Amino acid sequence: MNLPSSTPATSETADSASYSTETCDYCGSQDSWVIHPARLRGVLRFFCTHCLLRSHPMSFCPTCYDSSPPPHQSRRVSCSDCGSYTHIQCADGDESSSTHYLCPPCRDPISFSFFRPFVDTNGVSFLDKSLSEAFLCATKISVFSMNKAVYFAKMEAERKGKECAVAKKRAREALEYFVKLYEKARSDVDKLREASFEQYPAVQVKQEE
């Protein structure tokens, strides 16, 4: 699988060019086709494929990159370091190592990389089957994360919409209450004025003159 080489920014590549300004928040790499948006602890961040997979160890098998929920009868082993789950068949079928099993990235934390494209003699990057599966897995995690963020944003918007409707109703009721108070006060003032004129007619004549 050959990867697209970098091209000058034109009107046709404006979107990809603007997206390529994003940089991995963890390792600092910058490349438009390997940067994935995802939310981590409620904050939107941008990850390269390796860092995204590294920061979501419980979301996939680190050997086959299967991100779909396994069947109930599926047997897995847990990494004693990061806690990620690996299929028994991906761990060479050795169930006896389940108490001290280390997944590939924890087994070689310095040199291991989930995503390191090959470069041929012409400088063209390409992916093999394993790297393609890693890239697809990272893309699925990114999409799931953003869909989840959209869902919670929608729920928050609906909650605030309900709060605004309640606040609007209370404001209308308060306004109606104050209008009634004003009308009652005005009526009381008119009654006092009429009673004053009846009690002191001279004052009334003087005011009329």
C-alpha atoms as a PDB file:
ATOM      1  CA  MET A   1       0.000   0.000   0.000  1.00  0.00           C
ATOM      2  CA  ASN A   2       1.698   3.155  -1.213  1.00  0.00           C
ATOM      3  CA  LEU A   3       1.149   6.365   0.704  1.00  0.00           C
ATOM      4  CA  PRO A   4       0.451   9.761  -0.877  1.00  0.00           C
ATOM      5  CA  SER A   5       3.549  11.896  -1.205  1.00  0.00           C
ATOM      6  CA  SER A   6       3.480  15.497  -0.019  1.00  0.00           C
ATOM      7  CA  THR A   7       2.227  18.005  -2.620  1.00  0.00           C
ATOM      8  CA  PRO A   8       2.188  21.819  -2.700  1.00  0.00           C
ATOM      9  CA  ALA A   9      -0.880  23.405  -1.195  1.00  0.00           C
ATOM     10  CA  THR A  10      -3.425  24.245  -3.897  1.00  0.00           C
ATOM     11  CA  SER A  11      -7.141  24.913  -3.943  1.00  0.00           C
ATOM     12  CA  GLU A  12      -7.712  21.163  -4.401  1.00  0.00           C
ATOM     13  CA  THR A  13      -5.505  20.252  -1.429  1.00  0.00           C
ATOM     14  CA  ALA A  14      -6.457  23.138   0.848  1.00  0.00           C
ATOM     15  CA  ASP A  15      -8.264  20.919   3.324  1.00  0.00           C
ATOM     16  CA  SER A  16      -5.448  18.380   3.634  1.00  0.00           C
ATOM     17  CA  ALA A  17      -2.852  21.161   3.773  1.00  0.00           C
ATOM     18  CA  SER A  18      -4.651  22.916   6.606  1.00  0.00           C
ATOM     19  CA  TYR A  19      -5.094  19.592   8.434  1.00  0.00           C
ATOM     20  CA  SER A  20      -1.388  18.772   8.091  1.00  0.00           C
ATOM     21  CA  THR A  21      -0.560  21.666  10.407  1.00  0.00           C
ATOM     22  CA  GLU A  22      -1.717  19.447  13.284  1.00  0.00           C
ATOM     23  CA  THR A  23       1.055  17.812  15.279  1.00  0.00           C
ATOM     24  CA  CYS A  24       0.992  14.796  17.557  1.00  0.00           C
ATOM     25  CA  ASP A  25       0.606  16.164  21.081  1.00  0.00           C
ATOM     26  CA  TYR A  26       2.861  13.442  22.464  1.00  0.00           C
ATOM     27  CA  CYS A  27       5.782  12.750  20.129  1.00  0.00           C
ATOM     28  CA  GLY A  28       5.649  15.901  18.003  1.00  0.00           C
ATOM     29  CA  SER A  29       5.402  14.148  14.631  1.00  0.00           C
ATOM     30  CA  GLN A  30       3.572  16.035  11.912  1.00  0.00           C
ATOM     31  CA  ASP A  31       1.988  14.319   8.941  1.00  0.00           C
ATOM     32  CA  SER A  32      -1.569  14.817   7.704  1.00  0.00           C
ATOM     33  CA  TRP A  33      -2.270  11.135   6.979  1.00  0.00           C
ATOM     34  CA  VAL A  34      -1.176   9.762  10.378  1.00  0.00           C
ATOM     35  CA  ILE A  35      -2.633  12.395  12.728  1.00  0.00           C
ATOM     36  CA  HIS A  36      -5.897  11.327  14.397  1.00  0.00           C
ATOM     37  CA  PRO A  37      -8.190  13.539  16.497  1.00  0.00           C
ATOM     38  CA  ALA A  38      -9.414  11.899  19.688  1.00  0.00           C
ATOM     39  CA  ARG A  39     -10.539  12.935  23.139  1.00  0.00           C
ATOM     40  CA  LEU A  40      -8.488  11.824  26.118  1.00  0.00           C
ATOM     41  CA  ARG A  41      -9.794  12.550  29.629  1.00  0.00           C
ATOM     42  CA  GLY A  42     -12.335  14.960  28.148  1.00  0.00           C
ATOM     43  CA  VAL A  43      -9.787  16.996  26.156  1.00  0.00           C
ATOM     44  CA  LEU A  44      -9.484  16.992  22.359  1.00  0.00           C
ATOM     45  CA  ARG A  45      -5.973  15.972  21.327  1.00  0.00           C
ATOM     46  CA  PHE A  46      -4.180  14.961  18.149  1.00  0.00           C
ATOM     47  CA  PHE A  47      -2.224  11.707  17.971  1.00  0.00           C
ATOM     48  CA  CYS A  48      -0.014   9.965  15.485  1.00  0.00           C
ATOM     49  CA  THR A  49      -1.052   6.362  14.920  1.00  0.00           C
ATOM     50  CA  HIS A  50       1.543   4.947  17.321  1.00  0.00           C
ATOM     51  CA  CYS A  51       0.697   7.353  20.181  1.00  0.00           C
ATOM     52  CA  LEU A  52      -3.061   6.886  19.734  1.00  0.00           C
ATOM     53  CA  LEU A  53      -2.752   3.110  20.004  1.00  0.00           C
ATOM     54  CA  ARG A  54      -0.279   3.457  22.857  1.00  0.00           C
ATOM     55  CA  SER A  55      -2.683   5.686  24.815  1.00  0.00           C
ATOM     56  CA  HIS A  56      -5.669   3.323  24.345  1.00  0.00           C
ATOM     57  CA  PRO A  57      -4.262  -0.080  25.387  1.00  0.00           C
ATOM     58  CA  MET A  58      -7.638  -1.533  26.416  1.00  0.00           C
ATOM     59  CA  SER A  59      -9.305  -0.856  23.054  1.00  0.00           C
ATOM     60  CA  PHE A  60      -7.693  -3.508  20.852  1.00  0.00           C
ATOM     61  CA  CYS A  61      -5.486  -6.575  20.745  1.00  0.00           C
ATOM     62  CA  PRO A  62      -1.908  -5.245  20.379  1.00  0.00           C
ATOM     63  CA  THR A  63      -0.923  -8.159  18.168  1.00  0.00           C
ATOM     64  CA  CYS A  64      -3.702  -8.494  15.590  1.00  0.00           C
ATOM     65  CA  TYR A  65      -5.211  -4.988  16.119  1.00  0.00           C
ATOM     66  CA  ASP A  66      -8.728  -6.380  16.394  1.00  0.00           C
ATOM     67  CA  SER A  67     -10.783  -3.581  17.975  1.00  0.00           C
ATOM     68  CA  SER A  68     -14.159  -5.333  17.861  1.00  0.00           C
ATOM     69  CA  PRO A  69     -15.559  -6.732  21.136  1.00  0.00           C
ATOM     70  CA  PRO A  70     -14.532 -10.392  21.357  1.00  0.00           C
ATOM     71  CA  PRO A  71     -17.144 -13.143  21.798  1.00  0.00           C
ATOM     72  CA  HIS A  72     -17.913 -14.166  25.336  1.00  0.00           C
ATOM     73  CA  GLN A  73     -16.162 -17.499  24.890  1.00  0.00           C
ATOM     74  CA  SER A  74     -13.006 -15.837  23.592  1.00  0.00           C
ATOM     75  CA  ARG A  75      -9.983 -16.454  25.788  1.00  0.00           C
ATOM     76  CA  ARG A  76      -7.572 -13.601  26.384  1.00  0.00           C
ATOM     77  CA  VAL A  77      -4.508 -12.838  28.473  1.00  0.00           C
ATOM     78  CA  SER A  78      -3.880  -9.517  30.172  1.00  0.00           C
ATOM     79  CA  CYS A  79      -0.577  -7.695  29.972  1.00  0.00           C
ATOM     80  CA  SER A  80       0.888  -7.467  33.469  1.00  0.00           C
ATOM     81  CA  ASP A  81       2.272  -4.001  32.643  1.00  0.00           C
ATOM     82  CA  CYS A  82      -0.284  -1.932  30.668  1.00  0.00           C
ATOM     83  CA  GLY A  83      -3.346  -4.153  31.247  1.00  0.00           C
ATOM     84  CA  SER A  84      -4.164  -4.599  27.552  1.00  0.00           C
ATOM     85  CA  TYR A  85      -5.844  -7.829  26.461  1.00  0.00           C
ATOM     86  CA  THR A  86      -4.307 -10.134  23.872  1.00  0.00           C
ATOM     87  CA  HIS A  87      -6.057 -13.084  22.263  1.00  0.00           C
ATOM     88  CA  ILE A  88      -4.703 -16.430  23.413  1.00  0.00           C
ATOM     89  CA  GLN A  89      -4.004 -17.373  19.799  1.00  0.00           C
ATOM     90  CA  CYS A  90      -2.093 -14.100  19.338  1.00  0.00           C
ATOM     91  CA  ALA A  91      -0.017 -14.903  22.441  1.00  0.00           C
ATOM     92  CA  ASP A  92       1.096 -18.238  20.917  1.00  0.00           C
ATOM     93  CA  GLY A  93      -1.755 -19.967  22.743  1.00  0.00           C
ATOM     94  CA  ASP A  94       0.178 -20.054  26.019  1.00  0.00           C
ATOM     95  CA  GLU A  95      -2.356 -19.711  28.837  1.00  0.00           C
ATOM     96  CA  SER A  96       0.290 -20.502  31.456  1.00  0.00           C
ATOM     97  CA  SER A  97       1.910 -17.126  30.788  1.00  0.00           C
ATOM     98  CA  SER A  98      -1.273 -15.215  31.695  1.00  0.00           C
ATOM     99  CA  THR A  99       0.124 -14.136  35.081  1.00  0.00           C
ATOM    100  CA  HIS A 100       3.315 -12.634  33.693  1.00  0.00           C
ATOM    101  CA  TYR A 101       2.462 -11.952  30.046  1.00  0.00           C
ATOM    102  CA  LEU A 102       3.895  -8.826  28.409  1.00  0.00           C
ATOM    103  CA  CYS A 103       2.342  -7.470  25.220  1.00  0.00           C
ATOM    104  CA  PRO A 104       4.687  -6.520  22.320  1.00  0.00           C
ATOM    105  CA  PRO A 105       4.943  -2.785  23.158  1.00  0.00           C
ATOM    106  CA  CYS A 106       5.670  -3.498  26.832  1.00  0.00           C
ATOM    107  CA  ARG A 107       8.121  -6.255  25.928  1.00  0.00           C
ATOM    108  CA  ASP A 108      10.249  -3.798  23.956  1.00  0.00           C
ATOM    109  CA  PRO A 109       9.176  -0.271  25.060  1.00  0.00           C
ATOM    110  CA  ILE A 110      12.184   1.530  23.551  1.00  0.00           C
ATOM    111  CA  SER A 111      12.264   0.323  19.957  1.00  0.00           C
ATOM    112  CA  PHE A 112       8.720  -0.981  19.472  1.00  0.00           C
ATOM    113  CA  SER A 113       6.382   1.079  17.312  1.00  0.00           C
ATOM    114  CA  PHE A 114       2.801   0.332  16.350  1.00  0.00           C
ATOM    115  CA  PHE A 115       3.223   2.280  13.122  1.00  0.00           C
ATOM    116  CA  ARG A 116       6.490   2.752  11.245  1.00  0.00           C
ATOM    117  CA  PRO A 117       5.935   2.845   7.448  1.00  0.00           C
ATOM    118  CA  PHE A 118       8.551   1.340   5.181  1.00  0.00           C
ATOM    119  CA  VAL A 119      10.423   3.605   2.776  1.00  0.00           C
ATOM    120  CA  ASP A 120      11.724   2.213  -0.504  1.00  0.00           C
ATOM    121  CA  THR A 121      14.810   3.333  -2.407  1.00  0.00           C
ATOM    122  CA  ASN A 122      12.779   6.067  -4.122  1.00  0.00           C
ATOM    123  CA  GLY A 123      11.709   7.567  -0.800  1.00  0.00           C
ATOM    124  CA  VAL A 124       8.109   6.391  -1.194  1.00  0.00           C
ATOM    125  CA  SER A 125       6.419   5.208   2.013  1.00  0.00           C
ATOM    126  CA  PHE A 126       4.243   2.109   1.942  1.00  0.00           C
ATOM    127  CA  LEU A 127       2.441  -0.146   4.393  1.00  0.00           C
ATOM    128  CA  ASP A 128       2.341  -3.889   4.777  1.00  0.00           C
ATOM    129  CA  LYS A 129      -0.694  -5.825   6.055  1.00  0.00           C
ATOM    130  CA  SER A 130       0.183  -5.386   9.752  1.00  0.00           C
ATOM    131  CA  LEU A 131       0.751  -1.617   9.471  1.00  0.00           C
ATOM    132  CA  SER A 132      -2.476  -1.233   7.478  1.00  0.00           C
ATOM    133  CA  GLU A 133      -4.377  -3.035  10.244  1.00  0.00           C
ATOM    134  CA  ALA A 134      -2.735  -0.797  12.874  1.00  0.00           C
ATOM    135  CA  PHE A 135      -3.681   2.312  10.915  1.00  0.00           C
ATOM    136  CA  LEU A 136      -7.269   1.057  10.467  1.00  0.00           C
ATOM    137  CA  CYS A 137      -7.494   0.235  14.193  1.00  0.00           C
ATOM    138  CA  ALA A 138      -6.315   3.744  15.139  1.00  0.00           C
ATOM    139  CA  THR A 139      -8.841   5.256  12.730  1.00  0.00           C
ATOM    140  CA  LYS A 140     -11.673   3.225  14.308  1.00  0.00           C
ATOM    141  CA  ILE A 141     -10.621   4.355  17.799  1.00  0.00           C
ATOM    142  CA  SER A 142     -10.522   7.977  16.623  1.00  0.00           C
ATOM    143  CA  VAL A 143     -13.977   7.737  15.005  1.00  0.00           C
ATOM    144  CA  PHE A 144     -15.450   6.063  18.085  1.00  0.00           C
ATOM    145  CA  SER A 145     -13.910   8.714  20.344  1.00  0.00           C
ATOM    146  CA  MET A 146     -15.240  11.606  18.255  1.00  0.00           C
ATOM    147  CA  ASN A 147     -18.701  10.013  17.916  1.00  0.00           C
ATOM    148  CA  LYS A 148     -18.779   9.610  21.688  1.00  0.00           C
ATOM    149  CA  ALA A 149     -17.760  13.262  22.082  1.00  0.00           C
ATOM    150  CA  VAL A 150     -20.522  14.327  19.678  1.00  0.00           C
ATOM    151  CA  TYR A 151     -23.049  12.251  21.637  1.00  0.00           C
ATOM    152  CA  PHE A 152     -22.096  13.846  24.953  1.00  0.00           C
ATOM    153  CA  ALA A 153     -22.031  17.304  23.340  1.00  0.00           C
ATOM    154  CA  LYS A 154     -25.553  16.670  22.042  1.00  0.00           C
ATOM    155  CA  MET A 155     -26.693  15.526  25.494  1.00  0.00           C
ATOM    156  CA  GLU A 156     -25.121  18.626  27.059  1.00  0.00           C
ATOM    157  CA  ALA A 157     -26.799  20.863  24.483  1.00  0.00           C
ATOM    158  CA  GLU A 158     -30.166  19.252  25.209  1.00  0.00           C
ATOM    159  CA  ARG A 159     -29.605  19.687  28.950  1.00  0.00           C
ATOM    160  CA  LYS A 160     -28.744  23.349  28.520  1.00  0.00           C
ATOM    161  CA  GLY A 161     -31.721  23.770  26.199  1.00  0.00           C
ATOM    162  CA  LYS A 162     -34.023  22.405  28.904  1.00  0.00           C
ATOM    163  CA  GLU A 163     -32.398  24.672  31.489  1.00  0.00           C
ATOM    164  CA  CYS A 164     -32.909  27.671  29.187  1.00  0.00           C
ATOM    165  CA  ALA A 165     -36.567  26.735  28.691  1.00  0.00           C
ATOM    166  CA  VAL A 166     -37.074  26.506  32.469  1.00  0.00           C
ATOM    167  CA  ALA A 167     -35.240  29.804  33.021  1.00  0.00           C
ATOM    168  CA  LYS A 168     -37.346  31.458  30.304  1.00  0.00           C
ATOM    169  CA  LYS A 169     -40.539  30.189  31.918  1.00  0.00           C
ATOM    170  CA  ARG A 170     -39.454  31.455  35.338  1.00  0.00           C
ATOM    171  CA  ALA A 171     -38.493  34.838  33.867  1.00  0.00           C
ATOM    172  CA  ARG A 172     -41.913  35.121  32.206  1.00  0.00           C
ATOM    173  CA  GLU A 173     -43.673  34.208  35.446  1.00  0.00           C
ATOM    174  CA  ALA A 174     -41.568  36.742  37.362  1.00  0.00           C
ATOM    175  CA  LEU A 175     -42.375  39.443  34.797  1.00  0.00           C
ATOM    176  CA  GLU A 176     -46.090  38.691  35.000  1.00  0.00           C
ATOM    177  CA  TYR A 177     -45.875  38.822  38.803  1.00  0.00           C
ATOM    178  CA  PHE A 178     -44.171  42.228  38.779  1.00  0.00           C
ATOM    179  CA  VAL A 179     -46.686  43.538  36.230  1.00  0.00           C
ATOM    180  CA  LYS A 180     -49.492  42.513  38.577  1.00  0.00           C
ATOM    181  CA  LEU A 181     -47.704  44.191  41.491  1.00  0.00           C
ATOM    182  CA  TYR A 182     -47.279  47.356  39.444  1.00  0.00           C
ATOM    183  CA  GLU A 183     -50.943  47.381  38.386  1.00  0.00           C
ATOM    184  CA  LYS A 184     -52.050  46.790  41.993  1.00  0.00           C
ATOM    185  CA  ALA A 185     -49.763  49.558  43.286  1.00  0.00           C
ATOM    186  CA  ARG A 186     -51.055  51.924  40.619  1.00  0.00           C
ATOM    187  CA  SER A 187     -54.651  51.045  41.518  1.00  0.00           C
ATOM    188  CA  ASP A 188     -53.925  51.655  45.221  1.00  0.00           C
ATOM    189  CA  VAL A 189     -52.375  55.039  44.422  1.00  0.00           C
ATOM    190  CA  ASP A 190     -55.437  56.041  42.378  1.00  0.00           C
ATOM    191  CA  LYS A 191     -57.740  55.001  45.237  1.00  0.00           C
ATOM    192  CA  LEU A 192     -55.704  57.011  47.757  1.00  0.00           C
ATOM    193  CA  ARG A 193     -55.784  60.023  45.486  1.00  0.00           C
ATOM    194  CA  GLU A 194     -59.576  59.789  45.073  1.00  0.00           C
ATOM    195  CA  ALA A 195     -60.033  59.379  48.837  1.00  0.00           C
ATOM    196  CA  SER A 196     -57.816  62.410  49.454  1.00  0.00           C
ATOM    197  CA  PHE A 197     -59.817  64.579  47.049  1.00  0.00           C
ATOM    198  CA  GLU A 198     -63.109  63.572  48.728  1.00  0.00           C
ATOM    199  CA  GLN A 199     -61.723  64.326  52.187  1.00  0.00           C
ATOM    200  CA  TYR A 200     -60.148  67.647  51.244  1.00  0.00           C
ATOM    201  CA  PRO A 201     -62.284  69.250  48.504  1.00  0.00           C
ATOM    202  CA  ALA A 202     -60.492  72.589  48.873  1.00  0.00           C
ATOM    203  CA  VAL A 203     -57.256  70.935  47.906  1.00  0.00           C
ATOM    204  CA  GLN A 204     -59.040  69.473  44.938  1.00  0.00           C
ATOM    205  CA  VAL A 205     -60.374  72.897  43.825  1.00  0.00           C
ATOM    206  CA  LYS A 206     -56.985  74.467  44.284  1.00  0.00           C
ATOM    207  CA  GLN A 207     -55.362  71.842  42.189  1.00  0.00           C
ATOM    208  CA  GLU A 208     -58.042  72.235  39.524  1.00  0.00           C
ATOM    209  CA  GLU A 209     -57.391  76.036  39.391  1.00  0.00           C
END
